[in-house]
Amino acid sequence: MRLRNLPAALAAALLALPAGAQTPAAPPPIFGEMIDVRVVNLEVVVTDRDGLPVAGLTPADFVLTVDGEEVSIDYFTEVRGGTAVELSAQAGMIAGVPDLVPGTPVGTSYLLFVDDYFSVERDRDQVLRGVREQLGQLGPADRMAIVAYDGAKLEMLSSWSQSAPELERALRKATDRPAHGLKRLSERRTQVEGNLAATGSRVGGRLDVHELAYAEMLEQQIANSVSAAAAALRGFAHPPGRKVFLLLSGGMPFDITEFVSRESAAARRDPLRPGGGRLGRSAVTSRDGSIGQPFQEPGITQGERLLAPLVDTANRLGYTIFPVDVPGMDTAFDNSAEYPGSSREGTSFTAFLRENNTQYSLVHLAERTGGEALLNAGRLRALERAAAATRTYYWLGFTPTWQRNDERHDVEVEVRRAGLSVTSRSDFVDTSRAAEVSMAVESVLLFGAGPNVRPLELTVTPAERSSLGRMRVDVSVAVPAGEITFLPDGELNVAELELRVAAVDEAGARSPIPVLPVRLAIPGTVDPARPVTYSATLELRRERNRLVVALYDPAAGAIWSATTEVRP
């Protein structure tokens, strides 16, 4: 299976119809907030040779570089044991990070993401039970939100809450949800059986037909899960305090070609060492056990590229990822069943490498965002470990000089004192306003609602078959003219809007979010009670789709959105 797009062909016309509407009151912020990041804050953990946190440093002890050039530190606050420390006289004229009052607790916002798609129920529930028992680790200013993903839909189980009883109920609800990890194991067994039954061999350093089909399916599944995790971050984009993403992962391999090949993992000796040339260069192991040249599967997206949407989103929003290894030690696969006739020693080593492959995805996510991968036994103390690692740190802030350009900028923090180590995120993406709106639309698509998003009147006609595998629907949206920003342009009143359409199919594949410029021109006086209706024709894949349509007014920063389901 390949990554699928759901293209929308939009043929649109503008109408004006008489009707009235009321402007709704804005709901309280929960998720889907718009982001306004002009001061970039970096959470920096400094440790000594023994791994213990180092306190008492000043701005002069740090060197901050952006894209290889040193920049000034505009804001600086030390957080020690969860409390903001008053700046010393050595800090000079540098201000403390806004909204942090010395001597008061600094809250941490924990967003817990439960992967129901790759996780086995037994393992998932064990980790969730540990989180539930560790809720006492939350400080007085801390909060937690909980979401779960089943491969098709992201569901919010709890919004931001500081109530331990509320969070405990949400965690119990999470254990009541179906887990689909056994299906993933069944898919892997089917792939192995196909390899054992195959009589052919790999050609030209490529995966065989069974391996390639499984690799493509796995690529799709991981891409959907990564996209859902990134969307969860965007949906909870701007909570107060430090932001921690607890990612409960059922197992996403870093090197897909290695993972799906029957015995090639035995060629790697140190897959957890970045730069060791192991992961990402899957060697061919022939049926007689000899090792050949590395696999060449340029069509398979994997490794850093496949995980990049999650890393980029976390760094863009200032989240530190603490990935949790839900399976722990790999005991789910019986070696003798997986490789009949092979030695237990060899198959155990292959299982070990397969486990390291999935764990390296977690290591990569943690290293790129300044977090820590909670592997094996560490998964049972996930909240405790994350809380301990985020209680003492330095908060550095700088003001970017570039415009909102959606470009990635490398960020590096060093300390001038010898013998100290620094942990922080590695880059930052300065998000444009257009990208922020698309992020809000995607959050509505996944969560089904969002604050600061006004309801949109949406009408959809029954679907008609347009061509093989495709269908066509007509949609109409209506907004009262009084809610839109019209500006005078000669004898006309003109509004420049943007229409966005997003869709997700039954498999969880989401479309790109195209942006269609909409220009409204009304002569004379604008009647605020008179709605403006926009009609469009959408072409979609001929299967059930969940559709989100959003209208954005850049002049006012207003978004109207509605969600509906389209069936063939």
Foldseek 3Di string as FASTA:
>chain_A
DAFDFWDWDKDWDWDFDFFFDDFDDFDDAFWLDFDDDQKAKWWKFKAFPVRHTDDDDEQVQKFKDWQRHTDHFQAKWWFAQQFTADHDVVNPPRHHDPPHDHPDGFEEEEEEEAELQQADLVLSLLLLVLVLVCLVLGDPRYWYWYWYDHQAFIETLGTTDNDSVSVSVSSVVVSVDHGNNVVVVVLLLVLLVVVVPDPDWDPPQADDPSLVVSLNVLLNSLLLVLVVLLLVCNGHQDDGGAYEYEAEDSFRFQASSQLNDQQQLLVDDCVLDPPPPRGPFGWDQTPVGDTDGTHDDVVRDGHCRSNVSNLQSCQARRYQYAYAHSVAQPPPDDQCSSPPPDDPVSSSVSSVSSSSRRQSVNVVSRQQAQHYYQHHVSSSNRVVVRSVSNRTTMMTIDRDPDDQDQDKMFMDMDGPDPRMDMGIHTIYGRHDSVVSVQSSQVSCLRHVDGTLATAWDKDKDAWADDDVQKIKIKMKIKDQPLVAQWDDDPQKTKFKKWKWKKKAFPSNNIHRIDIDIDMDIDGDDRDRRIIMMMMIMIMTGQAKMKMKMWMAGVVVRHIHMHIDIHHD
